[in-house]
Amino acid sequence: MINKKDENYVYYLVAKNLKNIRKSKNITQSKLAELCNYSEGFIMNIESEKYYQTFSLGTLWNFADVLKVDIRDFFKPIDENGKNIE
């Protein structure tokens, strides 16, 4: 897990939450890419634990719209295993 004081932490946090939300809705990376009109590689890079893909707030807004979640859901706290803390 990345240090919370590292500026890349926000990308890590959003990526973990995006992956958790996407999987909970049984949507593949490929399907999400299709629904959002992004490349599958872009989605894969965002969700990657080895790479910090930057993206815009507009992209995050699009994910929220397509996945039918509140944009704030991408910022929910996670534990050291990448799972949401309830």
Protein backbone atom coordinates (compact mmCIF):
# COMPACT_ATOMS: atom_id res chain seq x y z
CA MET A 1 0.00 0.00 0.00
CA ILE A 2 1.22 3.45 -0.86
CA ASN A 3 1.86 6.05 1.84
CA LYS A 4 -1.19 8.26 2.35
CA LYS A 5 1.03 11.35 2.23
CA ASP A 6 2.27 10.47 -1.26
CA GLU A 7 0.48 12.48 -3.96
CA ASN A 8 -0.15 9.26 -5.88
CA TYR A 9 -2.27 7.94 -3.00
CA VAL A 10 -5.41 9.51 -4.49
CA TYR A 11 -4.90 7.50 -7.69
CA TYR A 12 -4.31 4.34 -5.65
CA LEU A 13 -7.47 4.98 -3.59
CA VAL A 14 -9.67 5.70 -6.61
CA ALA A 15 -8.24 2.71 -8.49
CA LYS A 16 -9.00 0.29 -5.65
CA ASN A 17 -12.50 1.67 -5.22
CA LEU A 18 -13.14 1.64 -8.97
CA LYS A 19 -12.08 -2.00 -9.16
CA ASN A 20 -14.19 -2.96 -6.12
CA ILE A 21 -17.27 -1.17 -7.49
CA ARG A 22 -16.80 -2.56 -11.00
CA LYS A 23 -16.43 -6.12 -9.74
CA SER A 24 -19.42 -5.77 -7.39
CA LYS A 25 -21.51 -4.96 -10.46
CA ASN A 26 -20.02 -7.88 -12.43
CA ILE A 27 -18.60 -5.57 -15.08
CA THR A 28 -15.34 -6.47 -16.79
CA GLN A 29 -12.63 -3.94 -17.58
CA SER A 30 -13.46 -4.45 -21.23
CA LYS A 31 -17.17 -3.73 -20.71
CA LEU A 32 -16.45 -0.66 -18.57
CA ALA A 33 -14.13 0.64 -21.28
CA GLU A 34 -16.85 0.12 -23.87
CA LEU A 35 -19.52 1.81 -21.75
CA CYS A 36 -17.26 4.80 -21.01
CA ASN A 37 -15.81 5.02 -24.51
CA TYR A 38 -12.24 4.56 -23.21
CA SER A 39 -9.67 1.97 -24.17
CA GLU A 40 -9.40 -1.22 -22.15
CA GLY A 41 -5.71 -0.40 -21.65
CA PHE A 42 -6.68 2.89 -19.99
CA ILE A 43 -8.95 1.07 -17.51
CA MET A 44 -6.25 -1.54 -16.93
CA ASN A 45 -3.67 1.18 -16.24
CA ILE A 46 -5.96 2.95 -13.79
CA GLU A 47 -6.59 -0.27 -11.84
CA SER A 48 -2.94 -1.37 -11.98
CA GLU A 49 -1.02 -1.64 -8.70
CA LYS A 50 2.27 -1.04 -10.50
CA TYR A 51 1.38 2.10 -12.41
CA TYR A 52 -0.32 5.35 -11.48
CA GLN A 53 -2.43 6.40 -14.44
CA THR A 54 -3.59 9.98 -14.16
CA PHE A 55 -7.11 10.89 -15.20
CA SER A 56 -9.40 13.89 -15.09
CA LEU A 57 -12.31 14.67 -12.84
CA GLY A 58 -14.42 14.33 -15.96
CA THR A 59 -13.24 10.74 -16.31
CA LEU A 60 -14.17 10.06 -12.70
CA TRP A 61 -17.57 11.69 -13.28
CA ASN A 62 -18.08 9.43 -16.30
CA PHE A 63 -17.20 6.32 -14.26
CA ALA A 64 -19.70 7.35 -11.58
CA ASP A 65 -22.43 7.91 -14.17
CA VAL A 66 -21.84 4.61 -15.99
CA LEU A 67 -21.53 2.59 -12.76
CA LYS A 68 -24.52 4.40 -11.20
CA VAL A 69 -22.66 5.40 -8.02
CA ASP A 70 -21.99 8.65 -6.21
CA ILE A 71 -18.62 10.10 -7.25
CA ARG A 72 -17.68 10.22 -3.55
CA ASP A 73 -17.72 6.40 -3.50
CA PHE A 74 -14.34 6.45 -5.25
CA PHE A 75 -12.82 8.15 -2.21
CA LYS A 76 -14.07 5.77 0.49
CA PRO A 77 -11.34 4.65 2.91
CA ILE A 78 -9.71 1.30 2.25
CA ASP A 79 -7.62 -1.06 4.37
CA GLU A 80 -4.13 -2.35 3.60
CA ASN A 81 -5.68 -5.08 1.40
CA GLY A 82 -7.57 -2.59 -0.75
CA LYS A 83 -10.96 -3.42 0.74
CA ASN A 84 -13.41 -0.78 1.90
CA ILE A 85 -13.48 0.07 5.57
CA GLU A 86 -17.08 0.17 6.68
